[in-house]
Amino acid sequence: MTEREKNRITVEINNRTYTIMGNEPASHVKLVASLVDQKMNEIKDHNPHLDTTRLAVLTAVNTMNDYVKLKEDYAKLVGSIARKEEK
């Protein structure tokens, strides 16, 4: 897919507008942007004095923490399924 064939989707995160380019469907990009916005708002509600940079970093750290936990859970599940199939 060339640069011109990529989707351009405009989203709002933390009251700022971003144009995101990529191969994913618009609905997926909008969902991801909405989840990022929700997580930022959640963190901002608990820490209202954070500047945007610190808010973004905390959001990234929280999101990656969730991602790593999900990957670990997935690996355990796949291992469990493999062990059951071996029996």
PDB file of N, CA and C in Angstrom:
ATOM      1  N   MET A   1       0.850  -1.178   0.000  1.00  0.00           N
ATOM      2  CA  MET A   1       0.000   0.000   0.000  1.00  0.00           C
ATOM      3  C   MET A   1       0.894   1.238   0.000  1.00  0.00           C
ATOM      4  N   THR A   2       0.630   2.149  -0.892  1.00  0.00           N
ATOM      5  CA  THR A   2       1.450   3.357  -0.986  1.00  0.00           C
ATOM      6  C   THR A   2       0.962   4.406   0.001  1.00  0.00           C
ATOM      7  N   GLU A   3       1.754   5.460   0.134  1.00  0.00           N
ATOM      8  CA  GLU A   3       1.411   6.561   1.042  1.00  0.00           C
ATOM      9  C   GLU A   3       0.036   7.133   0.696  1.00  0.00           C
ATOM     10  N   ARG A   4      -0.270   7.241  -0.577  1.00  0.00           N
ATOM     11  CA  ARG A   4      -1.545   7.824  -0.995  1.00  0.00           C
ATOM     12  C   ARG A   4      -2.727   6.912  -0.708  1.00  0.00           C
ATOM     13  N   GLU A   5      -2.490   5.604  -0.610  1.00  0.00           N
ATOM     14  CA  GLU A   5      -3.571   4.662  -0.366  1.00  0.00           C
ATOM     15  C   GLU A   5      -3.897   4.508   1.121  1.00  0.00           C
ATOM     16  N   LYS A   6      -3.082   5.046   1.990  1.00  0.00           N
ATOM     17  CA  LYS A   6      -3.326   4.931   3.422  1.00  0.00           C
ATOM     18  C   LYS A   6      -4.545   5.755   3.815  1.00  0.00           C
ATOM     19  N   ASN A   7      -5.246   5.254   4.843  1.00  0.00           N
ATOM     20  CA  ASN A   7      -6.400   5.973   5.377  1.00  0.00           C
ATOM     21  C   ASN A   7      -5.926   7.163   6.191  1.00  0.00           C
ATOM     22  N   ARG A   8      -6.651   8.260   6.077  1.00  0.00           N
ATOM     23  CA  ARG A   8      -6.413   9.461   6.894  1.00  0.00           C
ATOM     24  C   ARG A   8      -7.639   9.657   7.756  1.00  0.00           C
ATOM     25  N   ILE A   9      -7.452   9.600   9.057  1.00  0.00           N
ATOM     26  CA  ILE A   9      -8.566   9.722   9.984  1.00  0.00           C
ATOM     27  C   ILE A   9      -8.252  10.836  10.970  1.00  0.00           C
ATOM     28  N   THR A  10      -9.185  11.721  11.165  1.00  0.00           N
ATOM     29  CA  THR A  10      -9.036  12.807  12.123  1.00  0.00           C
ATOM     30  C   THR A  10      -9.732  12.406  13.418  1.00  0.00           C
ATOM     31  N   VAL A  11      -9.001  12.501  14.519  1.00  0.00           N
ATOM     32  CA  VAL A  11      -9.532  12.131  15.834  1.00  0.00           C
ATOM     33  C   VAL A  11      -9.220  13.234  16.829  1.00  0.00           C
ATOM     34  N   GLU A  12      -9.908  13.178  17.952  1.00  0.00           N
ATOM     35  CA  GLU A  12      -9.636  14.130  19.026  1.00  0.00           C
ATOM     36  C   GLU A  12      -9.206  13.353  20.255  1.00  0.00           C
ATOM     37  N   ILE A  13      -8.056  13.735  20.788  1.00  0.00           N
ATOM     38  CA  ILE A  13      -7.522  13.131  22.008  1.00  0.00           C
ATOM     39  C   ILE A  13      -7.088  14.261  22.931  1.00  0.00           C
ATOM     40  N   ASN A  14      -7.624  14.239  24.140  1.00  0.00           N
ATOM     41  CA  ASN A  14      -7.281  15.254  25.139  1.00  0.00           C
ATOM     42  C   ASN A  14      -7.497  16.668  24.600  1.00  0.00           C
ATOM     43  N   ASN A  15      -8.637  16.843  23.942  1.00  0.00           N
ATOM     44  CA  ASN A  15      -9.058  18.141  23.396  1.00  0.00           C
ATOM     45  C   ASN A  15      -8.137  18.688  22.315  1.00  0.00           C
ATOM     46  N   ARG A  16      -7.410  17.808  21.663  1.00  0.00           N
ATOM     47  CA  ARG A  16      -6.560  18.202  20.531  1.00  0.00           C
ATOM     48  C   ARG A  16      -6.899  17.320  19.343  1.00  0.00           C
ATOM     49  N   THR A  17      -6.817  17.893  18.177  1.00  0.00           N
ATOM     50  CA  THR A  17      -7.144  17.165  16.957  1.00  0.00           C
ATOM     51  C   THR A  17      -5.872  16.606  16.327  1.00  0.00           C
ATOM     52  N   TYR A  18      -5.945  15.342  15.939  1.00  0.00           N
ATOM     53  CA  TYR A  18      -4.825  14.661  15.302  1.00  0.00           C
ATOM     54  C   TYR A  18      -5.318  13.992  14.022  1.00  0.00           C
ATOM     55  N   THR A  19      -4.492  14.020  12.991  1.00  0.00           N
ATOM     56  CA  THR A  19      -4.763  13.259  11.785  1.00  0.00           C
ATOM     57  C   THR A  19      -3.843  12.062  11.800  1.00  0.00           C
ATOM     58  N   ILE A  20      -4.448  10.878  11.786  1.00  0.00           N
ATOM     59  CA  ILE A  20      -3.694   9.644  11.853  1.00  0.00           C
ATOM     60  C   ILE A  20      -3.769   8.954  10.496  1.00  0.00           C
ATOM     61  N   MET A  21      -2.612   8.549  10.002  1.00  0.00           N
ATOM     62  CA  MET A  21      -2.556   7.841   8.727  1.00  0.00           C
ATOM     63  C   MET A  21      -2.146   6.400   8.988  1.00  0.00           C
ATOM     64  N   GLY A  22      -2.815   5.475   8.303  1.00  0.00           N
ATOM     65  CA  GLY A  22      -2.454   4.077   8.469  1.00  0.00           C
ATOM     66  C   GLY A  22      -3.309   3.166   7.618  1.00  0.00           C
ATOM     67  N   ASN A  23      -3.076   1.888   7.776  1.00  0.00           N
ATOM     68  CA  ASN A  23      -3.784   0.882   6.992  1.00  0.00           C
ATOM     69  C   ASN A  23      -5.042   0.352   7.668  1.00  0.00           C
ATOM     70  N   GLU A  24      -5.207   0.664   8.927  1.00  0.00           N
ATOM     71  CA  GLU A  24      -6.359   0.159   9.666  1.00  0.00           C
ATOM     72  C   GLU A  24      -7.632   0.886   9.238  1.00  0.00           C
ATOM     73  N   PRO A  25      -8.772   0.202   9.364  1.00  0.00           N
ATOM     74  CA  PRO A  25     -10.048   0.860   9.050  1.00  0.00           C
ATOM     75  C   PRO A  25     -10.303   2.046   9.979  1.00  0.00           C
ATOM     76  N   ALA A  26     -11.043   3.016   9.489  1.00  0.00           N
ATOM     77  CA  ALA A  26     -11.346   4.220  10.275  1.00  0.00           C
ATOM     78  C   ALA A  26     -11.984   3.866  11.606  1.00  0.00           C
ATOM     79  N   SER A  27     -12.866   2.885  11.615  1.00  0.00           N
ATOM     80  CA  SER A  27     -13.549   2.507  12.855  1.00  0.00           C
ATOM     81  C   SER A  27     -12.550   2.028  13.908  1.00  0.00           C
ATOM     82  N   HIS A  28     -11.531   1.318  13.487  1.00  0.00           N
ATOM     83  CA  HIS A  28     -10.509   0.829  14.419  1.00  0.00           C
ATOM     84  C   HIS A  28      -9.695   1.995  14.981  1.00  0.00           C
ATOM     85  N   VAL A  29      -9.274   2.896  14.120  1.00  0.00           N
ATOM     86  CA  VAL A  29      -8.475   4.046  14.547  1.00  0.00           C
ATOM     87  C   VAL A  29      -9.291   4.913  15.511  1.00  0.00           C
ATOM     88  N   LYS A  30     -10.562   5.113  15.203  1.00  0.00           N
ATOM     89  CA  LYS A  30     -11.416   5.920  16.085  1.00  0.00           C
ATOM     90  C   LYS A  30     -11.608   5.243  17.433  1.00  0.00           C
ATOM     91  N   LEU A  31     -11.736   3.920  17.445  1.00  0.00           N
ATOM     92  CA  LEU A  31     -11.857   3.192  18.701  1.00  0.00           C
ATOM     93  C   LEU A  31     -10.598   3.347  19.539  1.00  0.00           C
ATOM     94  N   VAL A  32      -9.445   3.155  18.924  1.00  0.00           N
ATOM     95  CA  VAL A  32      -8.169   3.279  19.635  1.00  0.00           C
ATOM     96  C   VAL A  32      -8.012   4.697  20.191  1.00  0.00           C
ATOM     97  N   ALA A  33      -8.304   5.694  19.370  1.00  0.00           N
ATOM     98  CA  ALA A  33      -8.198   7.092  19.817  1.00  0.00           C
ATOM     99  C   ALA A  33      -9.141   7.360  20.986  1.00  0.00           C
ATOM    100  N   SER A  34     -10.338   6.808  20.917  1.00  0.00           N
ATOM    101  CA  SER A  34     -11.308   6.984  22.000  1.00  0.00           C
ATOM    102  C   SER A  34     -10.805   6.348  23.294  1.00  0.00           C
ATOM    103  N   LEU A  35     -10.199   5.177  23.192  1.00  0.00           N
ATOM    104  CA  LEU A  35      -9.658   4.515  24.381  1.00  0.00           C
ATOM    105  C   LEU A  35      -8.491   5.298  24.981  1.00  0.00           C
ATOM    106  N   VAL A  36      -7.638   5.848  24.130  1.00  0.00           N
ATOM    107  CA  VAL A  36      -6.536   6.688  24.611  1.00  0.00           C
ATOM    108  C   VAL A  36      -7.098   7.919  25.320  1.00  0.00           C
ATOM    109  N   ASP A  37      -8.079   8.553  24.705  1.00  0.00           N
ATOM    110  CA  ASP A  37      -8.704   9.734  25.295  1.00  0.00           C
ATOM    111  C   ASP A  37      -9.328   9.400  26.651  1.00  0.00           C
ATOM    112  N   GLN A  38     -10.017   8.267  26.722  1.00  0.00           N
ATOM    113  CA  GLN A  38     -10.629   7.851  27.990  1.00  0.00           C
ATOM    114  C   GLN A  38      -9.576   7.630  29.069  1.00  0.00           C
ATOM    115  N   LYS A  39      -8.493   6.942  28.705  1.00  0.00           N
ATOM    116  CA  LYS A  39      -7.431   6.665  29.678  1.00  0.00           C
ATOM    117  C   LYS A  39      -6.776   7.969  30.149  1.00  0.00           C
ATOM    118  N   MET A  40      -6.553   8.897  29.218  1.00  0.00           N
ATOM    119  CA  MET A  40      -5.962  10.183  29.602  1.00  0.00           C
ATOM    120  C   MET A  40      -6.893  10.935  30.547  1.00  0.00           C
ATOM    121  N   ASN A  41      -8.192  10.916  30.257  1.00  0.00           N
ATOM    122  CA  ASN A  41      -9.155  11.599  31.125  1.00  0.00           C
ATOM    123  C   ASN A  41      -9.207  10.954  32.507  1.00  0.00           C
ATOM    124  N   GLU A  42      -9.132   9.637  32.542  1.00  0.00           N
ATOM    125  CA  GLU A  42      -9.129   8.913  33.813  1.00  0.00           C
ATOM    126  C   GLU A  42      -7.924   9.317  34.659  1.00  0.00           C
ATOM    127  N   ILE A  43      -6.759   9.356  34.045  1.00  0.00           N
ATOM    128  CA  ILE A  43      -5.536   9.735  34.770  1.00  0.00           C
ATOM    129  C   ILE A  43      -5.590  11.210  35.169  1.00  0.00           C
ATOM    130  N   LYS A  44      -6.087  12.052  34.261  1.00  0.00           N
ATOM    131  CA  LYS A  44      -6.179  13.487  34.549  1.00  0.00           C
ATOM    132  C   LYS A  44      -7.138  13.754  35.706  1.00  0.00           C
ATOM    133  N   ASP A  45      -8.221  12.965  35.805  1.00  0.00           N
ATOM    134  CA  ASP A  45      -9.176  13.126  36.914  1.00  0.00           C
ATOM    135  C   ASP A  45      -8.510  12.872  38.263  1.00  0.00           C
ATOM    136  N   HIS A  46      -7.552  11.941  38.290  1.00  0.00           N
ATOM    137  CA  HIS A  46      -6.852  11.632  39.541  1.00  0.00           C
ATOM    138  C   HIS A  46      -5.635  12.526  39.779  1.00  0.00           C
ATOM    139  N   ASN A  47      -5.156  13.163  38.720  1.00  0.00           N
ATOM    140  CA  ASN A  47      -3.964  14.019  38.796  1.00  0.00           C
ATOM    141  C   ASN A  47      -4.194  15.288  37.968  1.00  0.00           C
ATOM    142  N   PRO A  48      -5.082  16.161  38.413  1.00  0.00           N
ATOM    143  CA  PRO A  48      -5.486  17.303  37.579  1.00  0.00           C
ATOM    144  C   PRO A  48      -4.392  18.314  37.262  1.00  0.00           C
ATOM    145  N   HIS A  49      -3.282  18.275  37.967  1.00  0.00           N
ATOM    146  CA  HIS A  49      -2.229  19.269  37.751  1.00  0.00           C
ATOM    147  C   HIS A  49      -1.115  18.785  36.814  1.00  0.00           C
ATOM    148  N   LEU A  50      -1.276  17.591  36.240  1.00  0.00           N
ATOM    149  CA  LEU A  50      -0.248  17.088  35.317  1.00  0.00           C
ATOM    150  C   LEU A  50      -0.219  17.902  34.038  1.00  0.00           C
ATOM    151  N   ASP A  51       0.985  18.185  33.550  1.00  0.00           N
ATOM    152  CA  ASP A  51       1.071  18.827  32.238  1.00  0.00           C
ATOM    153  C   ASP A  51       0.837  17.756  31.167  1.00  0.00           C
ATOM    154  N   THR A  52       0.665  18.173  29.951  1.00  0.00           N
ATOM    155  CA  THR A  52       0.319  17.261  28.860  1.00  0.00           C
ATOM    156  C   THR A  52       1.371  16.186  28.639  1.00  0.00           C
ATOM    157  N   THR A  53       2.632  16.554  28.736  1.00  0.00           N
ATOM    158  CA  THR A  53       3.696  15.572  28.519  1.00  0.00           C
ATOM    159  C   THR A  53       3.653  14.484  29.575  1.00  0.00           C
ATOM    160  N   ARG A  54       3.550  14.866  30.831  1.00  0.00           N
ATOM    161  CA  ARG A  54       3.506  13.870  31.906  1.00  0.00           C
ATOM    162  C   ARG A  54       2.241  13.025  31.813  1.00  0.00           C
ATOM    163  N   LEU A  55       1.140  13.644  31.451  1.00  0.00           N
ATOM    164  CA  LEU A  55      -0.114  12.923  31.264  1.00  0.00           C
ATOM    165  C   LEU A  55       0.032  11.888  30.152  1.00  0.00           C
ATOM    166  N   ALA A  56       0.651  12.275  29.052  1.00  0.00           N
ATOM    167  CA  ALA A  56       0.852  11.356  27.933  1.00  0.00           C
ATOM    168  C   ALA A  56       1.764  10.198  28.329  1.00  0.00           C
ATOM    169  N   VAL A  57       2.829  10.493  29.072  1.00  0.00           N
ATOM    170  CA  VAL A  57       3.754   9.437  29.492  1.00  0.00           C
ATOM    171  C   VAL A  57       3.066   8.473  30.450  1.00  0.00           C
ATOM    172  N   LEU A  58       2.329   8.985  31.415  1.00  0.00           N
ATOM    173  CA  LEU A  58       1.612   8.104  32.342  1.00  0.00           C
ATOM    174  C   LEU A  58       0.578   7.261  31.605  1.00  0.00           C
ATOM    175  N   THR A  59      -0.080   7.838  30.625  1.00  0.00           N
ATOM    176  CA  THR A  59      -1.039   7.089  29.818  1.00  0.00           C
ATOM    177  C   THR A  59      -0.331   5.967  29.065  1.00  0.00           C
ATOM    178  N   ALA A  60       0.814   6.277  28.480  1.00  0.00           N
ATOM    179  CA  ALA A  60       1.580   5.258  27.760  1.00  0.00           C
ATOM    180  C   ALA A  60       2.038   4.148  28.703  1.00  0.00           C
ATOM    181  N   VAL A  61       2.524   4.507  29.889  1.00  0.00           N
ATOM    182  CA  VAL A  61       2.992   3.511  30.853  1.00  0.00           C
ATOM    183  C   VAL A  61       1.831   2.618  31.297  1.00  0.00           C
ATOM    184  N   ASN A  62       0.694   3.216  31.607  1.00  0.00           N
ATOM    185  CA  ASN A  62      -0.476   2.441  32.018  1.00  0.00           C
ATOM    186  C   ASN A  62      -0.944   1.516  30.906  1.00  0.00           C
ATOM    187  N   THR A  63      -0.952   2.015  29.687  1.00  0.00           N
ATOM    188  CA  THR A  63      -1.402   1.226  28.550  1.00  0.00           C
ATOM    189  C   THR A  63      -0.457   0.063  28.288  1.00  0.00           C
ATOM    190  N   MET A  64       0.844   0.315  28.346  1.00  0.00           N
ATOM    191  CA  MET A  64       1.812  -0.752  28.123  1.00  0.00           C
ATOM    192  C   MET A  64       1.754  -1.782  29.253  1.00  0.00           C
ATOM    193  N   ASN A  65       1.496  -1.345  30.466  1.00  0.00           N
ATOM    194  CA  ASN A  65       1.327  -2.273  31.575  1.00  0.00           C
ATOM    195  C   ASN A  65       0.163  -3.219  31.287  1.00  0.00           C
ATOM    196  N   ASP A  66      -0.949  -2.671  30.853  1.00  0.00           N
ATOM    197  CA  ASP A  66      -2.110  -3.494  30.497  1.00  0.00           C
ATOM    198  C   ASP A  66      -1.764  -4.448  29.356  1.00  0.00           C
ATOM    199  N   TYR A  67      -1.043  -3.959  28.373  1.00  0.00           N
ATOM    200  CA  TYR A  67      -0.650  -4.762  27.216  1.00  0.00           C
ATOM    201  C   TYR A  67       0.244  -5.932  27.627  1.00  0.00           C
ATOM    202  N   VAL A  68       1.233  -5.670  28.471  1.00  0.00           N
ATOM    203  CA  VAL A  68       2.152  -6.720  28.918  1.00  0.00           C
ATOM    204  C   VAL A  68       1.393  -7.781  29.713  1.00  0.00           C
ATOM    205  N   LYS A  69       0.498  -7.350  30.583  1.00  0.00           N
ATOM    206  CA  LYS A  69      -0.305  -8.308  31.354  1.00  0.00           C
ATOM    207  C   LYS A  69      -1.151  -9.175  30.426  1.00  0.00           C
ATOM    208  N   LEU A  70      -1.758  -8.565  29.415  1.00  0.00           N
ATOM    209  CA  LEU A  70      -2.564  -9.331  28.463  1.00  0.00           C
ATOM    210  C   LEU A  70      -1.716 -10.328  27.685  1.00  0.00           C
ATOM    211  N   LYS A  71      -0.510  -9.914  27.284  1.00  0.00           N
ATOM    212  CA  LYS A  71       0.386 -10.834  26.576  1.00  0.00           C
ATOM    213  C   LYS A  71       0.762 -12.013  27.467  1.00  0.00           C
ATOM    214  N   GLU A  72       1.027 -11.743  28.737  1.00  0.00           N
ATOM    215  CA  GLU A  72       1.367 -12.817  29.671  1.00  0.00           C
ATOM    216  C   GLU A  72       0.184 -13.768  29.848  1.00  0.00           C
ATOM    217  N   ASP A  73      -1.012 -13.205  30.021  1.00  0.00           N
ATOM    218  CA  ASP A  73      -2.218 -14.030  30.154  1.00  0.00           C
ATOM    219  C   ASP A  73      -2.454 -14.861  28.896  1.00  0.00           C
ATOM    220  N   TYR A  74      -2.228 -14.264  27.742  1.00  0.00           N
ATOM    221  CA  TYR A  74      -2.403 -14.965  26.475  1.00  0.00           C
ATOM    222  C   TYR A  74      -1.414 -16.122  26.361  1.00  0.00           C
ATOM    223  N   ALA A  75      -0.158 -15.881  26.713  1.00  0.00           N
ATOM    224  CA  ALA A  75       0.861 -16.928  26.652  1.00  0.00           C
ATOM    225  C   ALA A  75       0.495 -18.086  27.586  1.00  0.00           C
ATOM    226  N   LYS A  76       0.006 -17.774  28.784  1.00  0.00           N
ATOM    227  CA  LYS A  76      -0.419 -18.815  29.719  1.00  0.00           C
ATOM    228  C   LYS A  76      -1.582 -19.615  29.147  1.00  0.00           C
ATOM    229  N   LEU A  77      -2.527 -18.925  28.538  1.00  0.00           N
ATOM    230  CA  LEU A  77      -3.688 -19.587  27.956  1.00  0.00           C
ATOM    231  C   LEU A  77      -3.280 -20.493  26.807  1.00  0.00           C
ATOM    232  N   VAL A  78      -2.429 -20.006  25.932  1.00  0.00           N
ATOM    233  CA  VAL A  78      -1.939 -20.816  24.807  1.00  0.00           C
ATOM    234  C   VAL A  78      -1.188 -22.038  25.338  1.00  0.00           C
ATOM    235  N   GLY A  79      -0.368 -21.850  26.346  1.00  0.00           N
ATOM    236  CA  GLY A  79       0.346 -22.972  26.952  1.00  0.00           C
ATOM    237  C   GLY A  79      -0.598 -23.983  27.558  1.00  0.00           C
ATOM    238  N   SER A  80      -1.615 -23.509  28.224  1.00  0.00           N
ATOM    239  CA  SER A  80      -2.608 -24.391  28.833  1.00  0.00           C
ATOM    240  C   SER A  80      -3.354 -25.198  27.768  1.00  0.00           C
ATOM    241  N   ILE A  81      -3.713 -24.550  26.684  1.00  0.00           N
ATOM    242  CA  ILE A  81      -4.406 -25.236  25.583  1.00  0.00           C
ATOM    243  C   ILE A  81      -3.487 -26.284  24.965  1.00  0.00           C
ATOM    244  N   ALA A  82      -2.225 -25.915  24.762  1.00  0.00           N
ATOM    245  CA  ALA A  82      -1.267 -26.862  24.176  1.00  0.00           C
ATOM    246  C   ALA A  82      -1.084 -28.090  25.071  1.00  0.00           C
ATOM    247  N   ARG A  83      -1.013 -27.887  26.377  1.00  0.00           N
ATOM    248  CA  ARG A  83      -0.851 -29.002  27.303  1.00  0.00           C
ATOM    249  C   ARG A  83      -2.080 -29.920  27.267  1.00  0.00           C
ATOM    250  N   LYS A  84      -3.256 -29.329  27.175  1.00  0.00           N
ATOM    251  CA  LYS A  84      -4.486 -30.139  27.123  1.00  0.00           C
ATOM    252  C   LYS A  84      -4.572 -30.928  25.825  1.00  0.00           C
ATOM    253  N   GLU A  85      -4.084 -30.334  24.739  1.00  0.00           N
ATOM    254  CA  GLU A  85      -4.113 -31.031  23.451  1.00  0.00           C
ATOM    255  C   GLU A  85      -3.123 -32.182  23.416  1.00  0.00           C
ATOM    256  N   GLU A  86      -2.034 -32.089  24.200  1.00  0.00           N
ATOM    257  CA  GLU A  86      -1.036 -33.150  24.256  1.00  0.00           C
ATOM    258  C   GLU A  86      -1.541 -34.374  25.012  1.00  0.00           C
ATOM    259  N   LYS A  87      -2.485 -34.176  25.891  1.00  0.00           N
ATOM    260  CA  LYS A  87      -2.994 -35.281  26.728  1.00  0.00           C
ATOM    261  C   LYS A  87      -3.877 -36.220  25.959  1.00  0.00           C
TER     262      LYS A  87
END
